[in-house]
């Protein structure tokens, strides 16, 4: 079973297993958002809009989730989700890229990328709450301004509206998953907005 962070990474990785340079910051933050979503869904941490609180230290089967959980547990104080997204993004991206690079060496990366994109687009088009992981990836990619990977021909405003509708549908069908995804996607979006504002108004 492909983890949500890896599923997200597969949607945008290049032939060698790495994301293209223009989108690497956004990709890393979306991957951390996916890890936060999964950990909250499994009740390994409490993901609120203003803080992340660990609920246990058990490891998972996913390197990104394990690193996020380790850092949250070691922090000593609750921090807002967007700070974790910003702080851990680059390391999370490197971890999934290593796995993607391994698939590239085995000659299986192209197939996995095609399958991942098809799965995520199918879930997004049908707002399929039965595949919550793929739907979460679609919402997180839009939050990270990578919505073209989900709906290539749609305008950004249409992608955002569709993602909001999908999130609302998930919240109605699976409330706990909807809350987790809502807070994770908001954290990704806010971290990118804060970084953009810092670049626009340095100092």
Foldseek 3Di string as FASTA:
>chain_A
DDQLLLLLQLLAADLQLAHDVVQQLLSLLLSLLSLQLVCLVVVQWPADLFWIGGDDQDDDPDPSNNVLNVCRVPVPDTGGLLVSSNPRRNVSRVVSSVVLNVCSVVVNSVVSSVVSLVQLLVCLVVLPLVPVSSLLSCLSCLLSVNNCSRVVPDDNVVSNVSNVVSLVVNCVVPVSSSNSSVSSSVSSNVNVVVVVVCVVPPD
